[in-house]
Amino acid sequence: MPLRRYIVIKADGTEGELFEADLPADAPDFAVHPVTREPCRRVLEAPTLTVKYGEGAMKQAVSEEKLARAGFRKLEKNGEGGWTQTN
């Protein structure tokens, strides 16, 4: 679902707080804040597509197998203030 940004419009016409809403793509835009019922408008922004450096791409780029082949060691906290090697 796309994340949409809105800005509250105060009674004197100035802009108030920004808020975000995670809505389905086919949902209509808010005309009022869903909690405070103040009028608001959507803030139009460029879409943020993170294909090359997104979370999924980073997980594939730094998989445990690739890190082991590169010579890195995986360490985990042992609960006693130290670290234990796991691979």
Foldseek 3Di string as FASTA:
>chain_A
DDKWKKWFQDPVRDTHDIDIDDDDPPDDDDQADPPPRGGMDTDDDDDDDDDCNDPVNVCVVDPPVVCVVVPDWDWDDPPPPDIDTDD
